[in-house]
């Protein structure tokens, strides 16, 4: 709502005085905001500065610090834990001598990974940057066999995660899923049966699935002198 100041000379003078005193503050704030935008977009100190007081970050191929974005793919079938509602496949135990993809399409998944998070980059954990996964599986071995192994295969990199074993309805976890950053990754979920013989059949189902970039597994280590994990460390 506009203020009508005509006829109130003292009030008009006060407004002008406040405006004069605030003029420099407004300019400083605009200057600071401009510098902040420049540093956040470029990842380098603003013109005339020798350091950044605030650590920059982005999710692009720029110079900022890469931040994992959490879940990159997930699904859950809800309360209906039946084979008809899940990713499910029946396997002949006699054919369980090698791994094969659980879905009859290749790749099983197409996942976009944040630029800078790559298996050729070292994470804060000291290992290669990878994805994590939590999967609720059901392995029905009433037809034969002793267990089923699960693993991820990345068609971009030609590399595999470690295998995780399941024998019943249970959660399994992966922490070393290989990735290539900044591109679409083609992933297969592969399975292999153990034990059994002849025409015995095992059914494998996936009811809940979450694939994620996480701090521990996906966050690249600092390229500077400090990891920003110590409050007493000087600013960059």
Protein backbone atom coordinates (compact mmCIF):
# COMPACT_ATOMS: atom_id res chain seq x y z
CA UNK A 1 0.00 0.00 0.00
CA UNK A 2 1.50 3.43 -0.99
CA UNK A 3 2.25 6.08 1.64
CA UNK A 4 0.98 9.64 1.07
CA UNK A 5 3.51 11.98 2.67
CA UNK A 6 2.45 15.40 1.29
CA UNK A 7 1.83 17.88 4.07
CA UNK A 8 4.00 16.02 6.59
CA UNK A 9 7.36 17.69 6.12
CA UNK A 10 9.12 16.07 9.07
CA UNK A 11 8.14 12.57 7.94
CA UNK A 12 9.40 13.31 4.44
CA UNK A 13 12.76 14.44 5.83
CA UNK A 14 13.09 11.29 7.94
CA UNK A 15 12.47 9.10 4.91
CA UNK A 16 15.14 10.98 2.95
CA UNK A 17 17.62 10.70 5.80
CA UNK A 18 17.04 6.97 6.16
CA UNK A 19 17.50 6.61 2.44
CA UNK A 20 20.84 8.41 2.58
CA UNK A 21 22.13 6.32 5.42
CA UNK A 22 21.05 3.10 3.75
CA UNK A 23 22.48 3.91 0.33
CA UNK A 24 25.92 2.44 1.07
CA UNK A 25 24.41 -0.63 2.73
CA UNK A 26 22.30 -1.31 -0.35
CA UNK A 27 25.35 -1.02 -2.61
CA UNK A 28 27.39 -3.35 -0.39
CA UNK A 29 24.61 -5.95 -0.39
CA UNK A 30 24.31 -5.81 -4.18
CA UNK A 31 28.09 -6.14 -4.48
CA UNK A 32 28.16 -9.11 -2.08
CA UNK A 33 25.22 -10.80 -3.83
CA UNK A 34 26.90 -10.38 -7.19
CA UNK A 35 30.15 -11.85 -5.90
CA UNK A 36 28.27 -14.76 -4.33
CA UNK A 37 26.48 -15.53 -7.59
CA UNK A 38 29.77 -15.35 -9.49
CA UNK A 39 31.52 -17.73 -7.09
CA UNK A 40 28.64 -20.20 -6.97
CA UNK A 41 28.39 -20.33 -10.76
CA UNK A 42 32.11 -20.50 -11.53
CA UNK A 43 33.55 -22.15 -8.42
CA UNK A 44 36.44 -19.65 -8.32
CA UNK A 45 37.04 -16.54 -6.16
CA UNK A 46 35.39 -13.31 -7.27
CA UNK A 47 37.50 -10.71 -9.05
CA UNK A 48 40.09 -9.22 -6.69
CA UNK A 49 39.73 -11.98 -4.08
CA UNK A 50 42.32 -14.63 -3.31
CA UNK A 51 40.02 -17.19 -1.70
CA UNK A 52 36.41 -18.25 -1.41
CA UNK A 53 34.89 -17.88 2.05
CA UNK A 54 32.07 -20.29 1.22
CA UNK A 55 32.65 -23.68 -0.35
CA UNK A 56 30.91 -23.79 -3.75
CA UNK A 57 29.03 -26.78 -5.09
CA UNK A 58 27.05 -27.76 -8.17
CA UNK A 59 25.76 -30.78 -10.07
CA UNK A 60 27.28 -29.85 -13.42
CA UNK A 61 30.69 -30.23 -15.09
CA UNK A 62 31.71 -26.85 -13.59
CA UNK A 63 34.36 -26.18 -10.97
CA UNK A 64 32.14 -26.39 -7.89
CA UNK A 65 32.20 -29.15 -5.28
CA UNK A 66 30.12 -32.14 -6.40
CA UNK A 67 27.32 -33.09 -3.98
CA UNK A 68 25.63 -36.54 -4.17
CA UNK A 69 21.90 -36.13 -4.83
CA UNK A 70 20.55 -39.16 -3.01
CA UNK A 71 18.21 -41.61 -4.72
CA UNK A 72 18.65 -41.88 -8.49
CA UNK A 73 16.13 -44.70 -9.01
CA UNK A 74 13.65 -46.49 -6.76
CA UNK A 75 10.44 -48.51 -6.74
CA UNK A 76 8.36 -50.47 -4.24
CA UNK A 77 5.43 -52.81 -4.88
CA UNK A 78 3.71 -51.96 -1.57
CA UNK A 79 2.01 -54.59 0.56
CA UNK A 80 1.43 -57.14 -2.21
CA UNK A 81 4.54 -59.31 -1.91
CA UNK A 82 3.54 -61.71 -4.66
CA UNK A 83 5.52 -62.71 -7.70
CA UNK A 84 2.91 -61.14 -9.98
CA UNK A 85 3.58 -57.66 -8.55
CA UNK A 86 7.38 -57.78 -8.67
CA UNK A 87 10.31 -58.09 -11.01
CA UNK A 88 10.25 -61.87 -11.06
CA UNK A 89 11.88 -64.69 -12.99
CA UNK A 90 11.89 -68.49 -12.73
CA UNK A 91 15.30 -70.10 -13.17
CA UNK A 92 16.12 -73.67 -14.06
CA UNK A 93 18.78 -74.77 -11.56
CA UNK A 94 20.43 -76.82 -14.26
CA UNK A 95 21.16 -73.57 -16.13
CA UNK A 96 22.62 -71.83 -13.08
CA UNK A 97 26.23 -72.08 -14.03
CA UNK A 98 26.71 -68.41 -14.90
CA UNK A 99 25.17 -64.98 -14.35
CA UNK A 100 22.39 -63.58 -16.52
CA UNK A 101 20.17 -60.48 -16.36
CA UNK A 102 17.00 -60.76 -14.28
CA UNK A 103 14.92 -58.88 -16.88
CA UNK A 104 14.52 -59.89 -20.51
CA UNK A 105 15.69 -56.53 -21.77
CA UNK A 106 19.07 -54.91 -21.90
CA UNK A 107 19.89 -52.78 -20.13
CA UNK A 108 17.63 -53.44 -17.16
CA UNK A 109 18.07 -49.82 -15.99
CA UNK A 110 19.22 -46.51 -17.45
CA UNK A 111 20.54 -44.24 -14.67
CA UNK A 112 21.91 -40.69 -14.98
CA UNK A 113 24.79 -40.06 -12.58
CA UNK A 114 25.91 -36.63 -11.32
CA UNK A 115 28.95 -35.27 -13.20
CA UNK A 116 32.11 -35.70 -11.13
CA UNK A 117 30.93 -38.94 -9.48
CA UNK A 118 32.86 -41.58 -11.38
CA UNK A 119 34.52 -44.91 -10.63
CA UNK A 120 37.84 -43.38 -11.74
CA UNK A 121 37.56 -40.71 -9.01
CA UNK A 122 38.44 -41.33 -5.36
CA UNK A 123 35.64 -40.87 -2.82
CA UNK A 124 35.96 -39.55 0.74
CA UNK A 125 35.97 -43.20 1.83
CA UNK A 126 39.29 -43.70 0.04
CA UNK A 127 37.75 -46.09 -2.48
CA UNK A 128 36.41 -45.37 -5.96
CA UNK A 129 33.19 -43.35 -6.26
CA UNK A 130 30.31 -45.79 -6.58
CA UNK A 131 26.55 -46.04 -6.02
CA UNK A 132 24.80 -47.83 -3.16
CA UNK A 133 21.67 -49.97 -3.38
CA UNK A 134 19.17 -51.55 -0.97
CA UNK A 135 16.99 -54.28 -2.46
CA UNK A 136 14.23 -56.42 -0.97
CA UNK A 137 14.40 -59.81 -2.72
CA UNK A 138 12.62 -63.12 -2.33
CA UNK A 139 14.30 -66.34 -3.35
CA UNK A 140 11.91 -69.31 -3.48
CA UNK A 141 14.08 -72.44 -3.36
CA UNK A 142 11.30 -74.98 -2.86
CA UNK A 143 12.05 -76.33 -6.34
CA UNK A 144 15.72 -76.85 -5.54
CA UNK A 145 19.02 -75.04 -5.13
CA UNK A 146 20.68 -73.57 -2.05
CA UNK A 147 20.93 -69.81 -2.75
CA UNK A 148 21.03 -67.11 -5.43
CA UNK A 149 23.76 -64.50 -5.98
CA UNK A 150 22.95 -60.96 -7.15
CA UNK A 151 25.27 -58.40 -8.71
CA UNK A 152 25.22 -55.26 -10.89
CA UNK A 153 26.87 -55.02 -14.29
CA UNK A 154 27.60 -51.58 -15.79
CA UNK A 155 27.63 -51.78 -19.58
CA UNK A 156 29.31 -48.36 -19.86
CA UNK A 157 32.34 -49.33 -17.82
CA UNK A 158 32.31 -53.09 -18.38
CA UNK A 159 32.70 -53.67 -14.63
CA UNK A 160 30.72 -55.42 -11.89
CA UNK A 161 29.76 -54.91 -8.28
CA UNK A 162 30.54 -57.56 -5.70
CA UNK A 163 27.93 -60.33 -5.49
CA UNK A 164 25.43 -60.50 -2.62
CA UNK A 165 23.81 -63.79 -1.60
CA UNK A 166 20.15 -64.46 -0.71
CA UNK A 167 18.28 -67.57 0.42
CA UNK A 168 14.79 -66.25 1.31
CA UNK A 169 12.78 -63.01 1.64
CA UNK A 170 15.44 -60.55 2.77
CA UNK A 171 17.14 -57.18 2.22
CA UNK A 172 20.50 -57.18 0.47
CA UNK A 173 22.87 -54.19 0.24
CA UNK A 174 25.43 -53.07 -2.34
CA UNK A 175 28.07 -50.39 -1.80
CA UNK A 176 30.29 -50.73 -4.85
CA UNK A 177 28.12 -50.35 -7.95
CA UNK A 178 30.45 -49.02 -10.70
CA UNK A 179 29.44 -45.80 -12.48
CA UNK A 180 30.47 -43.26 -15.10
CA UNK A 181 29.68 -39.68 -14.12
CA UNK A 182 27.69 -37.15 -16.16
CA UNK A 183 26.14 -39.68 -18.57
CA UNK A 184 23.36 -42.24 -18.73
CA UNK A 185 24.62 -45.53 -17.28
CA UNK A 186 23.27 -48.84 -18.61
CA UNK A 187 22.94 -51.27 -15.70
CA UNK A 188 21.91 -54.92 -15.56
CA UNK A 189 20.91 -56.75 -12.38
CA UNK A 190 22.39 -60.20 -12.79
CA UNK A 191 21.64 -63.40 -10.88
CA UNK A 192 23.24 -66.79 -10.52
CA UNK A 193 21.95 -69.86 -8.70
CA UNK A 194 23.91 -72.15 -6.44
CA UNK A 195 23.31 -75.85 -5.82
CA UNK A 196 20.62 -78.10 -7.22
CA UNK A 197 20.62 -80.20 -10.33
CA UNK A 198 18.44 -81.49 -13.09
CA UNK A 199 15.20 -79.60 -13.81
CA UNK A 200 14.82 -78.00 -10.36
CA UNK A 201 13.32 -74.48 -10.48
CA UNK A 202 13.95 -71.45 -8.26
CA UNK A 203 11.94 -68.20 -8.45
CA UNK A 204 13.60 -64.85 -7.81
CA UNK A 205 11.55 -61.69 -7.12
CA UNK A 206 12.46 -58.06 -6.35
CA UNK A 207 9.85 -56.14 -4.33
CA UNK A 208 11.66 -52.96 -3.30
CA UNK A 209 14.64 -51.25 -4.88
CA UNK A 210 16.57 -48.06 -4.10
CA UNK A 211 19.71 -47.00 -5.96
CA UNK A 212 21.44 -43.90 -4.57
CA UNK A 213 24.38 -41.52 -4.63
CA UNK A 214 25.52 -41.23 -1.00
CA UNK A 215 28.11 -39.18 0.86
CA UNK A 216 30.15 -42.17 2.02
CA UNK A 217 30.32 -43.95 -1.33
CA UNK A 218 29.80 -41.26 -3.98
CA UNK A 219 31.24 -37.98 -2.60
CA UNK A 220 34.58 -37.21 -4.31
CA UNK A 221 37.39 -36.34 -1.92
CA UNK A 222 38.62 -32.74 -1.75
CA UNK A 223 41.21 -31.74 -4.31
CA UNK A 224 42.55 -29.15 -1.86
CA UNK A 225 44.44 -29.38 1.40
CA UNK A 226 41.39 -29.81 3.61
CA UNK A 227 38.42 -32.18 3.56
CA UNK A 228 36.10 -29.66 5.28
CA UNK A 229 35.40 -32.21 8.02
CA UNK A 230 37.24 -30.31 10.77
CA UNK A 231 35.61 -27.15 12.19
CA UNK A 232 39.01 -25.73 13.07
CA UNK A 233 40.42 -26.05 9.55
CA UNK A 234 41.01 -22.70 7.80
CA UNK A 235 38.75 -21.63 5.01
CA UNK A 236 39.82 -22.37 1.42
